[in-house]
Amino acid sequence: MKFKIVKTWDGVELSEGRYKMMLAPSENGTDLVISVRGPLFNEPSAPELDPGKPFPHLWDYEVAEAFFLNDSGSYLEVELCPHGQHLVLMLHGVRNMIKDKLDIEYKASLDNGGFWTGEAVIPGELFPPKVSKFNAYTIHGSGDTRVYQALYPVPEGKFKTPDFHRLEYFQTIDFKSNILALIVKIKF
């Protein structure tokens, strides 16, 4: 499954700064691989922690995020930084964190063309049962120049501030009828 993030959090079309995200089963068929590619803004600068480690409050840095929600309000939030740090949270209900700083396999790289790529392997057992909705976001910049982008944005003009936990705006994702069914088949 391939996605392009081409709008701001509130639905304004982007002229630049677009990201691509891909979801695919891992080689073992039990985990999910999330691949992301986007422009490197390097603003704010890299978190002060070794790559490959969970980093609290990663959403305060440059990051790409994927959210996987079920109909019971449980969701997995995956945050990936261009400098190799990550943050994975399990939640039940809006912002009600159950577990945080979950460890995953994650590697990121920067290229000479001003882009970054990241690839994370998310263990299948981290996903809530019966994932039915999905959204993806990116964040970069600082202060007044902070930019929030969304795959499925809120309606333009409806809210004054970005909030990635507005679950009612997530869109349906059908794990049952596509290749991702391999990952979550035991949970249906």
N, C-alpha and C. Protein backbone atom coordinates (compact mmCIF):
# COMPACT_ATOMS: atom_id res chain seq x y z
N MET A 1 0.86 -1.17 0.00
CA MET A 1 0.00 0.00 0.00
C MET A 1 0.90 1.23 0.00
N LYS A 2 0.64 2.13 -0.92
CA LYS A 2 1.45 3.34 -1.04
C LYS A 2 0.57 4.57 -0.80
N PHE A 3 1.15 5.54 -0.10
CA PHE A 3 0.43 6.76 0.23
C PHE A 3 1.33 7.96 -0.04
N LYS A 4 0.72 9.09 -0.42
CA LYS A 4 1.44 10.35 -0.58
C LYS A 4 0.78 11.38 0.33
N ILE A 5 1.59 12.07 1.09
CA ILE A 5 1.08 13.14 1.96
C ILE A 5 1.28 14.44 1.20
N VAL A 6 0.14 15.01 0.74
CA VAL A 6 0.20 16.17 -0.16
C VAL A 6 -0.58 17.37 0.36
N LYS A 7 -1.04 17.29 1.63
CA LYS A 7 -1.81 18.41 2.20
C LYS A 7 -1.35 18.72 3.62
N THR A 8 -1.63 19.94 4.05
CA THR A 8 -1.39 20.30 5.43
C THR A 8 -2.44 19.63 6.31
N TRP A 9 -2.26 19.71 7.61
CA TRP A 9 -3.18 19.07 8.56
C TRP A 9 -4.62 19.53 8.38
N ASP A 10 -4.80 20.74 7.83
CA ASP A 10 -6.14 21.30 7.66
C ASP A 10 -6.59 21.36 6.20
N GLY A 11 -5.95 20.57 5.34
CA GLY A 11 -6.46 20.38 3.99
C GLY A 11 -5.93 21.29 2.90
N VAL A 12 -4.94 22.11 3.17
CA VAL A 12 -4.38 22.99 2.14
C VAL A 12 -3.37 22.19 1.31
N GLU A 13 -3.51 22.25 -0.01
CA GLU A 13 -2.62 21.53 -0.92
C GLU A 13 -1.19 22.05 -0.77
N LEU A 14 -0.22 21.13 -0.72
CA LEU A 14 1.20 21.48 -0.60
C LEU A 14 1.80 21.68 -1.98
N SER A 15 2.63 22.71 -2.11
CA SER A 15 3.35 22.90 -3.37
C SER A 15 4.71 22.22 -3.30
N GLU A 16 5.22 21.98 -2.07
CA GLU A 16 6.48 21.28 -1.87
C GLU A 16 6.44 20.57 -0.52
N GLY A 17 7.48 19.81 -0.22
CA GLY A 17 7.54 19.14 1.07
C GLY A 17 6.67 17.91 1.15
N ARG A 18 6.45 17.25 0.04
CA ARG A 18 5.60 16.06 0.01
C ARG A 18 6.37 14.82 0.45
N TYR A 19 5.65 13.94 1.12
CA TYR A 19 6.23 12.69 1.61
C TYR A 19 5.52 11.50 0.99
N LYS A 20 6.24 10.37 0.94
CA LYS A 20 5.67 9.10 0.50
C LYS A 20 5.84 8.11 1.64
N MET A 21 4.81 7.28 1.82
CA MET A 21 4.86 6.23 2.83
C MET A 21 4.34 4.95 2.20
N MET A 22 4.99 3.84 2.54
CA MET A 22 4.56 2.55 2.02
C MET A 22 4.45 1.56 3.18
N LEU A 23 3.39 0.75 3.15
CA LEU A 23 3.18 -0.31 4.13
C LEU A 23 3.25 -1.64 3.40
N ALA A 24 4.00 -2.58 3.96
CA ALA A 24 4.15 -3.90 3.34
C ALA A 24 4.45 -4.93 4.41
N PRO A 25 4.12 -6.19 4.14
CA PRO A 25 4.48 -7.23 5.12
C PRO A 25 5.99 -7.45 5.12
N SER A 26 6.51 -7.86 6.26
CA SER A 26 7.93 -8.21 6.36
C SER A 26 8.17 -9.54 5.66
N GLU A 27 9.43 -9.89 5.52
CA GLU A 27 9.78 -11.16 4.88
C GLU A 27 9.20 -12.35 5.63
N ASN A 28 9.11 -12.25 6.96
CA ASN A 28 8.58 -13.38 7.74
C ASN A 28 7.05 -13.43 7.72
N GLY A 29 6.41 -12.37 7.18
CA GLY A 29 4.96 -12.35 7.04
C GLY A 29 4.18 -12.06 8.31
N THR A 30 4.86 -11.79 9.41
CA THR A 30 4.15 -11.54 10.67
C THR A 30 4.29 -10.11 11.15
N ASP A 31 5.13 -9.32 10.52
CA ASP A 31 5.38 -7.94 10.94
C ASP A 31 5.05 -6.99 9.78
N LEU A 32 5.00 -5.71 10.09
CA LEU A 32 4.72 -4.69 9.08
C LEU A 32 5.96 -3.85 8.86
N VAL A 33 6.29 -3.60 7.60
CA VAL A 33 7.39 -2.71 7.25
C VAL A 33 6.78 -1.38 6.82
N ILE A 34 7.21 -0.32 7.48
CA ILE A 34 6.81 1.04 7.10
C ILE A 34 8.03 1.71 6.48
N SER A 35 7.89 2.13 5.24
CA SER A 35 8.96 2.87 4.56
C SER A 35 8.48 4.28 4.32
N VAL A 36 9.35 5.24 4.55
CA VAL A 36 9.01 6.65 4.34
C VAL A 36 10.14 7.33 3.58
N ARG A 37 9.77 8.27 2.71
CA ARG A 37 10.75 9.10 2.00
C ARG A 37 10.19 10.51 1.93
N GLY A 38 11.04 11.47 2.27
CA GLY A 38 10.60 12.85 2.22
C GLY A 38 11.76 13.81 2.24
N PRO A 39 11.46 15.09 2.02
CA PRO A 39 12.51 16.10 2.06
C PRO A 39 13.06 16.25 3.48
N LEU A 40 14.34 16.50 3.58
CA LEU A 40 14.98 16.75 4.87
C LEU A 40 15.02 18.26 5.10
N PHE A 41 14.35 18.70 6.15
CA PHE A 41 14.36 20.11 6.51
C PHE A 41 15.40 20.38 7.59
N ASN A 42 15.71 19.35 8.40
CA ASN A 42 16.68 19.43 9.49
C ASN A 42 16.35 20.58 10.44
N GLU A 43 15.06 20.78 10.65
CA GLU A 43 14.58 21.83 11.54
C GLU A 43 13.37 21.29 12.30
N PRO A 44 13.46 21.12 13.59
CA PRO A 44 14.65 21.36 14.41
C PRO A 44 15.74 20.32 14.13
N SER A 45 16.93 20.58 14.69
CA SER A 45 18.05 19.66 14.45
C SER A 45 17.80 18.32 15.13
N ALA A 46 18.70 17.38 14.90
CA ALA A 46 18.54 16.00 15.37
C ALA A 46 18.41 15.92 16.90
N PRO A 47 17.58 14.99 17.39
CA PRO A 47 17.51 14.75 18.84
C PRO A 47 18.87 14.24 19.35
N GLU A 48 19.16 14.55 20.59
CA GLU A 48 20.44 14.15 21.17
C GLU A 48 20.31 12.77 21.81
N LEU A 49 20.21 11.76 20.96
CA LEU A 49 20.16 10.36 21.38
C LEU A 49 20.60 9.53 20.20
N ASP A 50 21.28 8.43 20.49
CA ASP A 50 21.77 7.56 19.43
C ASP A 50 20.63 7.08 18.54
N PRO A 51 20.88 6.95 17.24
CA PRO A 51 19.88 6.38 16.33
C PRO A 51 19.52 4.95 16.76
N GLY A 52 18.31 4.56 16.39
CA GLY A 52 17.84 3.21 16.68
C GLY A 52 17.19 3.05 18.04
N LYS A 53 17.10 4.12 18.78
CA LYS A 53 16.53 4.06 20.13
C LYS A 53 15.21 4.82 20.19
N PRO A 54 14.28 4.37 21.07
CA PRO A 54 13.06 5.15 21.31
C PRO A 54 13.41 6.49 21.94
N PHE A 55 12.72 7.53 21.53
CA PHE A 55 13.00 8.88 22.03
C PHE A 55 11.69 9.54 22.45
N PRO A 56 11.52 9.81 23.76
CA PRO A 56 10.28 10.46 24.21
C PRO A 56 10.11 11.85 23.61
N HIS A 57 8.89 12.24 23.37
CA HIS A 57 8.55 13.56 22.82
C HIS A 57 9.16 13.78 21.43
N LEU A 58 9.29 12.71 20.67
CA LEU A 58 9.86 12.83 19.33
C LEU A 58 9.02 13.74 18.44
N TRP A 59 7.72 13.87 18.75
CA TRP A 59 6.83 14.74 17.97
C TRP A 59 7.26 16.20 18.02
N ASP A 60 8.19 16.56 18.90
CA ASP A 60 8.72 17.92 18.95
C ASP A 60 9.82 18.16 17.91
N TYR A 61 10.19 17.12 17.16
CA TYR A 61 11.25 17.19 16.17
C TYR A 61 10.68 16.98 14.78
N GLU A 62 11.56 16.85 13.79
CA GLU A 62 11.14 16.50 12.43
C GLU A 62 10.80 15.01 12.44
N VAL A 63 9.60 14.67 11.96
CA VAL A 63 9.13 13.30 12.12
C VAL A 63 8.05 12.96 11.10
N ALA A 64 7.97 11.67 10.77
CA ALA A 64 6.83 11.12 10.01
C ALA A 64 6.12 10.16 10.96
N GLU A 65 4.79 10.17 10.92
CA GLU A 65 4.01 9.37 11.87
C GLU A 65 2.95 8.55 11.13
N ALA A 66 2.69 7.35 11.65
CA ALA A 66 1.62 6.49 11.14
C ALA A 66 0.78 6.04 12.33
N PHE A 67 -0.54 6.11 12.18
CA PHE A 67 -1.49 5.72 13.23
C PHE A 67 -2.37 4.60 12.70
N PHE A 68 -2.55 3.55 13.50
CA PHE A 68 -3.37 2.40 13.15
C PHE A 68 -4.44 2.24 14.23
N LEU A 69 -5.72 2.40 13.87
CA LEU A 69 -6.84 2.49 14.81
C LEU A 69 -7.81 1.35 14.58
N ASN A 70 -8.42 0.85 15.68
CA ASN A 70 -9.51 -0.11 15.53
C ASN A 70 -10.83 0.53 15.96
N ASP A 71 -11.94 -0.17 15.76
CA ASP A 71 -13.26 0.39 16.06
C ASP A 71 -13.53 0.54 17.55
N SER A 72 -12.69 -0.06 18.39
CA SER A 72 -12.85 0.04 19.84
C SER A 72 -12.07 1.22 20.42
N GLY A 73 -11.37 1.97 19.58
CA GLY A 73 -10.62 3.14 20.05
C GLY A 73 -9.20 2.84 20.49
N SER A 74 -8.71 1.63 20.21
CA SER A 74 -7.30 1.33 20.48
C SER A 74 -6.49 1.66 19.24
N TYR A 75 -5.31 2.23 19.46
CA TYR A 75 -4.48 2.54 18.30
C TYR A 75 -2.99 2.50 18.61
N LEU A 76 -2.23 2.28 17.56
CA LEU A 76 -0.78 2.26 17.61
C LEU A 76 -0.28 3.50 16.88
N GLU A 77 0.60 4.24 17.53
CA GLU A 77 1.21 5.42 16.94
C GLU A 77 2.69 5.13 16.72
N VAL A 78 3.17 5.30 15.49
CA VAL A 78 4.56 5.04 15.13
C VAL A 78 5.16 6.34 14.62
N GLU A 79 6.23 6.81 15.27
CA GLU A 79 6.91 8.04 14.87
C GLU A 79 8.32 7.71 14.42
N LEU A 80 8.71 8.24 13.26
CA LEU A 80 10.02 7.96 12.68
C LEU A 80 10.73 9.27 12.36
N CYS A 81 11.96 9.39 12.82
CA CYS A 81 12.75 10.61 12.65
C CYS A 81 13.81 10.39 11.57
N PRO A 82 14.13 11.40 10.77
CA PRO A 82 15.14 11.22 9.73
C PRO A 82 16.54 10.92 10.27
N HIS A 83 16.75 11.14 11.56
CA HIS A 83 18.08 10.92 12.15
C HIS A 83 18.19 9.57 12.85
N GLY A 84 17.16 8.72 12.72
CA GLY A 84 17.24 7.34 13.20
C GLY A 84 16.54 7.04 14.52
N GLN A 85 16.00 8.03 15.19
CA GLN A 85 15.26 7.79 16.41
C GLN A 85 13.80 7.45 16.07
N HIS A 86 13.13 6.79 17.00
CA HIS A 86 11.73 6.43 16.79
C HIS A 86 10.98 6.50 18.12
N LEU A 87 9.66 6.47 18.01
CA LEU A 87 8.81 6.38 19.19
C LEU A 87 7.56 5.61 18.79
N VAL A 88 7.24 4.56 19.53
CA VAL A 88 6.05 3.76 19.27
C VAL A 88 5.23 3.73 20.55
N LEU A 89 3.95 4.10 20.41
CA LEU A 89 3.04 4.18 21.54
C LEU A 89 1.81 3.33 21.29
N MET A 90 1.32 2.65 22.33
CA MET A 90 0.02 1.97 22.30
C MET A 90 -0.94 2.85 23.09
N LEU A 91 -2.11 3.11 22.51
CA LEU A 91 -3.10 3.95 23.17
C LEU A 91 -4.48 3.30 23.12
N HIS A 92 -5.30 3.64 24.10
CA HIS A 92 -6.71 3.21 24.08
C HIS A 92 -7.53 4.42 24.49
N GLY A 93 -8.27 4.98 23.54
CA GLY A 93 -8.94 6.25 23.76
C GLY A 93 -7.98 7.38 23.42
N VAL A 94 -8.53 8.52 23.10
CA VAL A 94 -7.72 9.65 22.64
C VAL A 94 -6.65 10.03 23.66
N ARG A 95 -5.41 9.90 23.25
CA ARG A 95 -4.21 10.24 24.02
C ARG A 95 -4.06 9.45 25.33
N ASN A 96 -4.82 8.39 25.52
CA ASN A 96 -4.70 7.58 26.72
C ASN A 96 -3.65 6.49 26.49
N MET A 97 -2.41 6.81 26.85
CA MET A 97 -1.29 5.93 26.56
C MET A 97 -1.31 4.71 27.49
N ILE A 98 -1.17 3.54 26.89
CA ILE A 98 -1.10 2.28 27.62
C ILE A 98 0.37 1.86 27.78
N LYS A 99 1.13 1.96 26.68
CA LYS A 99 2.57 1.64 26.69
C LYS A 99 3.27 2.63 25.79
N ASP A 100 4.52 2.94 26.14
CA ASP A 100 5.29 3.85 25.29
C ASP A 100 6.73 3.36 25.18
N LYS A 101 7.47 4.03 24.30
CA LYS A 101 8.88 3.73 24.05
C LYS A 101 9.11 2.25 23.70
N LEU A 102 8.19 1.69 22.91
CA LEU A 102 8.33 0.31 22.48
C LEU A 102 9.47 0.20 21.48
N ASP A 103 10.23 -0.84 21.58
CA ASP A 103 11.40 -1.02 20.72
C ASP A 103 11.01 -1.67 19.40
N ILE A 104 11.56 -1.16 18.32
CA ILE A 104 11.35 -1.71 16.98
C ILE A 104 12.68 -1.67 16.24
N GLU A 105 12.72 -2.32 15.09
CA GLU A 105 13.87 -2.17 14.19
C GLU A 105 13.62 -0.93 13.35
N TYR A 106 14.56 0.01 13.35
CA TYR A 106 14.39 1.20 12.53
C TYR A 106 15.74 1.73 12.08
N LYS A 107 15.82 2.05 10.79
CA LYS A 107 17.01 2.67 10.23
C LYS A 107 16.60 3.80 9.32
N ALA A 108 17.35 4.87 9.38
CA ALA A 108 17.10 6.03 8.51
C ALA A 108 18.41 6.44 7.85
N SER A 109 18.28 7.06 6.68
CA SER A 109 19.46 7.56 6.00
C SER A 109 19.13 8.86 5.29
N LEU A 110 20.16 9.68 5.15
CA LEU A 110 20.05 10.96 4.46
C LEU A 110 20.78 10.83 3.14
N ASP A 111 20.24 11.44 2.08
CA ASP A 111 20.96 11.40 0.81
C ASP A 111 21.45 12.79 0.46
N ASN A 112 22.29 12.87 -0.55
CA ASN A 112 22.89 14.15 -0.95
C ASN A 112 21.91 15.08 -1.63
N GLY A 113 20.73 14.58 -1.99
CA GLY A 113 19.75 15.39 -2.70
C GLY A 113 18.78 16.11 -1.78
N GLY A 114 19.02 16.07 -0.47
CA GLY A 114 18.14 16.77 0.46
C GLY A 114 16.92 15.97 0.89
N PHE A 115 16.99 14.65 0.75
CA PHE A 115 15.89 13.79 1.15
C PHE A 115 16.36 12.81 2.21
N TRP A 116 15.40 12.23 2.91
CA TRP A 116 15.70 11.15 3.86
C TRP A 116 14.76 9.99 3.61
N THR A 117 15.24 8.81 3.97
CA THR A 117 14.42 7.62 3.90
C THR A 117 14.52 6.90 5.24
N GLY A 118 13.46 6.24 5.59
CA GLY A 118 13.44 5.46 6.82
C GLY A 118 12.68 4.17 6.57
N GLU A 119 13.10 3.12 7.29
CA GLU A 119 12.41 1.85 7.20
C GLU A 119 12.31 1.25 8.59
N ALA A 120 11.09 0.97 9.01
CA ALA A 120 10.82 0.41 10.33
C ALA A 120 10.11 -0.92 10.18
N VAL A 121 10.45 -1.86 11.04
CA VAL A 121 9.76 -3.14 11.11
C VAL A 121 8.98 -3.15 12.42
N ILE A 122 7.64 -3.19 12.29
CA ILE A 122 6.76 -3.14 13.45
C ILE A 122 6.24 -4.55 13.72
N PRO A 123 6.58 -5.13 14.88
CA PRO A 123 6.08 -6.48 15.19
C PRO A 123 4.56 -6.54 15.14
N GLY A 124 4.02 -7.58 14.52
CA GLY A 124 2.58 -7.73 14.38
C GLY A 124 1.84 -7.69 15.70
N GLU A 125 2.47 -8.19 16.77
CA GLU A 125 1.78 -8.24 18.07
C GLU A 125 1.57 -6.86 18.70
N LEU A 126 2.20 -5.83 18.17
CA LEU A 126 1.99 -4.48 18.72
C LEU A 126 0.68 -3.85 18.25
N PHE A 127 0.15 -4.31 17.13
CA PHE A 127 -1.07 -3.72 16.58
C PHE A 127 -2.29 -4.10 17.42
N PRO A 128 -3.23 -3.17 17.56
CA PRO A 128 -4.48 -3.55 18.24
C PRO A 128 -5.25 -4.53 17.37
N PRO A 129 -6.14 -5.31 17.96
CA PRO A 129 -6.93 -6.24 17.15
C PRO A 129 -7.83 -5.49 16.17
N LYS A 130 -8.00 -6.07 15.00
CA LYS A 130 -8.95 -5.59 13.99
C LYS A 130 -8.75 -4.13 13.59
N VAL A 131 -7.53 -3.80 13.22
CA VAL A 131 -7.25 -2.45 12.72
C VAL A 131 -8.18 -2.16 11.55
N SER A 132 -8.83 -1.01 11.59
CA SER A 132 -9.79 -0.67 10.54
C SER A 132 -9.57 0.72 9.94
N LYS A 133 -8.78 1.55 10.62
CA LYS A 133 -8.56 2.92 10.13
C LYS A 133 -7.10 3.30 10.24
N PHE A 134 -6.74 4.31 9.46
CA PHE A 134 -5.33 4.68 9.33
C PHE A 134 -5.23 6.17 9.04
N ASN A 135 -4.13 6.76 9.50
CA ASN A 135 -3.77 8.11 9.08
C ASN A 135 -2.26 8.24 9.20
N ALA A 136 -1.69 9.18 8.46
CA ALA A 136 -0.25 9.43 8.49
C ALA A 136 -0.02 10.93 8.47
N TYR A 137 1.08 11.33 9.10
CA TYR A 137 1.38 12.75 9.27
C TYR A 137 2.89 12.98 9.15
N THR A 138 3.26 14.22 8.93
CA THR A 138 4.65 14.64 9.02
C THR A 138 4.69 16.00 9.72
N ILE A 139 5.81 16.25 10.37
CA ILE A 139 6.01 17.52 11.08
C ILE A 139 7.45 17.96 10.84
N HIS A 140 7.64 19.26 10.62
CA HIS A 140 8.98 19.83 10.56
C HIS A 140 8.89 21.33 10.82
N GLY A 141 10.03 21.93 11.12
CA GLY A 141 10.09 23.36 11.39
C GLY A 141 9.99 23.65 12.88
N SER A 142 10.17 24.92 13.21
CA SER A 142 10.13 25.35 14.61
C SER A 142 9.30 26.62 14.74
N GLY A 143 8.72 26.80 15.91
CA GLY A 143 8.00 28.04 16.22
C GLY A 143 6.92 28.34 15.19
N ASP A 144 6.93 29.58 14.69
CA ASP A 144 5.92 30.02 13.71
C ASP A 144 6.07 29.35 12.36
N THR A 145 7.23 28.73 12.10
CA THR A 145 7.44 28.07 10.81
C THR A 145 7.19 26.56 10.89
N ARG A 146 6.62 26.09 12.00
CA ARG A 146 6.31 24.66 12.16
C ARG A 146 5.23 24.27 11.16
N VAL A 147 5.45 23.17 10.43
CA VAL A 147 4.53 22.70 9.40
C VAL A 147 4.02 21.32 9.79
N TYR A 148 2.69 21.16 9.74
CA TYR A 148 2.03 19.89 10.05
C TYR A 148 1.31 19.43 8.80
N GLN A 149 1.61 18.22 8.34
CA GLN A 149 1.02 17.69 7.13
C GLN A 149 0.25 16.41 7.46
N ALA A 150 -0.80 16.11 6.68
CA ALA A 150 -1.63 14.94 6.96
C ALA A 150 -2.02 14.22 5.67
N LEU A 151 -2.05 12.91 5.75
CA LEU A 151 -2.59 12.12 4.66
C LEU A 151 -4.08 12.38 4.54
N TYR A 152 -4.80 12.28 5.66
CA TYR A 152 -6.23 12.55 5.71
C TYR A 152 -6.45 13.73 6.66
N PRO A 153 -6.47 14.95 6.13
CA PRO A 153 -6.58 16.14 6.96
C PRO A 153 -7.99 16.35 7.49
N VAL A 154 -8.09 17.23 8.47
CA VAL A 154 -9.41 17.68 8.94
C VAL A 154 -9.95 18.65 7.89
N PRO A 155 -11.25 18.90 7.87
CA PRO A 155 -11.79 19.86 6.89
C PRO A 155 -11.19 21.25 7.07
N GLU A 156 -10.86 21.88 5.95
CA GLU A 156 -10.25 23.20 5.96
C GLU A 156 -11.13 24.19 6.72
N GLY A 157 -10.53 24.90 7.67
CA GLY A 157 -11.22 25.93 8.43
C GLY A 157 -11.99 25.43 9.64
N LYS A 158 -12.05 24.13 9.87
CA LYS A 158 -12.84 23.59 10.97
C LYS A 158 -12.17 23.77 12.34
N PHE A 159 -10.83 23.68 12.39
CA PHE A 159 -10.09 23.80 13.64
C PHE A 159 -9.01 24.85 13.50
N LYS A 160 -8.56 25.40 14.61
CA LYS A 160 -7.53 26.44 14.58
C LYS A 160 -6.13 25.88 14.81
N THR A 161 -6.02 24.70 15.43
CA THR A 161 -4.72 24.13 15.73
C THR A 161 -4.67 22.66 15.30
N PRO A 162 -3.48 22.18 14.90
CA PRO A 162 -3.36 20.78 14.51
C PRO A 162 -3.47 19.85 15.72
N ASP A 163 -4.05 18.70 15.50
CA ASP A 163 -4.16 17.67 16.53
C ASP A 163 -4.28 16.34 15.80
N PHE A 164 -3.23 15.54 15.87
CA PHE A 164 -3.20 14.27 15.14
C PHE A 164 -4.04 13.19 15.80
N HIS A 165 -4.63 13.48 16.92
CA HIS A 165 -5.46 12.49 17.62
C HIS A 165 -6.95 12.74 17.41
N ARG A 166 -7.31 13.41 16.35
CA ARG A 166 -8.72 13.55 15.96
C ARG A 166 -9.09 12.31 15.15
N LEU A 167 -9.39 11.25 15.88
CA LEU A 167 -9.56 9.92 15.30
C LEU A 167 -10.72 9.84 14.31
N GLU A 168 -11.70 10.72 14.45
CA GLU A 168 -12.86 10.69 13.56
C GLU A 168 -12.51 11.03 12.12
N TYR A 169 -11.31 11.56 11.88
CA TYR A 169 -10.90 11.90 10.51
C TYR A 169 -9.99 10.85 9.88
N PHE A 170 -9.69 9.78 10.61
CA PHE A 170 -8.93 8.68 10.03
C PHE A 170 -9.80 8.03 8.96
N GLN A 171 -9.16 7.38 7.99
CA GLN A 171 -9.89 6.74 6.90
C GLN A 171 -9.75 5.23 6.98
N THR A 172 -10.70 4.55 6.38
CA THR A 172 -10.73 3.10 6.39
C THR A 172 -9.51 2.52 5.67
N ILE A 173 -8.94 1.51 6.28
CA ILE A 173 -7.89 0.72 5.65
C ILE A 173 -8.32 -0.73 5.78
N ASP A 174 -8.27 -1.45 4.70
CA ASP A 174 -8.78 -2.82 4.70
C ASP A 174 -7.63 -3.81 4.74
N PHE A 175 -7.24 -4.20 5.94
CA PHE A 175 -6.19 -5.20 6.09
C PHE A 175 -6.67 -6.59 5.65
N LYS A 176 -7.97 -6.83 5.70
CA LYS A 176 -8.49 -8.17 5.41
C LYS A 176 -8.33 -8.57 3.95
N SER A 177 -8.48 -7.63 3.03
CA SER A 177 -8.54 -8.02 1.62
C SER A 177 -7.30 -7.66 0.83
N ASN A 178 -6.21 -7.35 1.52
CA ASN A 178 -4.99 -7.07 0.76
C ASN A 178 -3.80 -7.77 1.42
N ILE A 179 -2.65 -7.47 0.95
CA ILE A 179 -1.44 -8.16 1.38
C ILE A 179 -1.16 -8.01 2.87
N LEU A 180 -1.64 -6.93 3.49
CA LEU A 180 -1.40 -6.72 4.91
C LEU A 180 -2.18 -7.70 5.78
N ALA A 181 -3.12 -8.42 5.19
CA ALA A 181 -3.89 -9.40 5.96
C ALA A 181 -2.97 -10.46 6.56
N LEU A 182 -1.87 -10.72 5.94
CA LEU A 182 -0.92 -11.69 6.48
C LEU A 182 -0.44 -11.29 7.88
N ILE A 183 -0.30 -10.02 8.10
CA ILE A 183 0.24 -9.53 9.36
C ILE A 183 -0.74 -9.65 10.50
N VAL A 184 -1.99 -9.38 10.22
CA VAL A 184 -2.97 -9.31 11.30
C VAL A 184 -4.02 -10.42 11.24
N LYS A 185 -3.78 -11.46 10.46
CA LYS A 185 -4.78 -12.49 10.27
C LYS A 185 -5.19 -13.16 11.59
N ILE A 186 -4.28 -13.28 12.52
CA ILE A 186 -4.63 -13.95 13.78
C ILE A 186 -5.47 -13.07 14.68
N LYS A 187 -5.61 -11.80 14.37
CA LYS A 187 -6.36 -10.89 15.23
C LYS A 187 -7.80 -10.70 14.76
N PHE A 188 -8.19 -11.27 13.63
CA PHE A 188 -9.55 -11.07 13.12
C PHE A 188 -10.43 -12.24 13.52
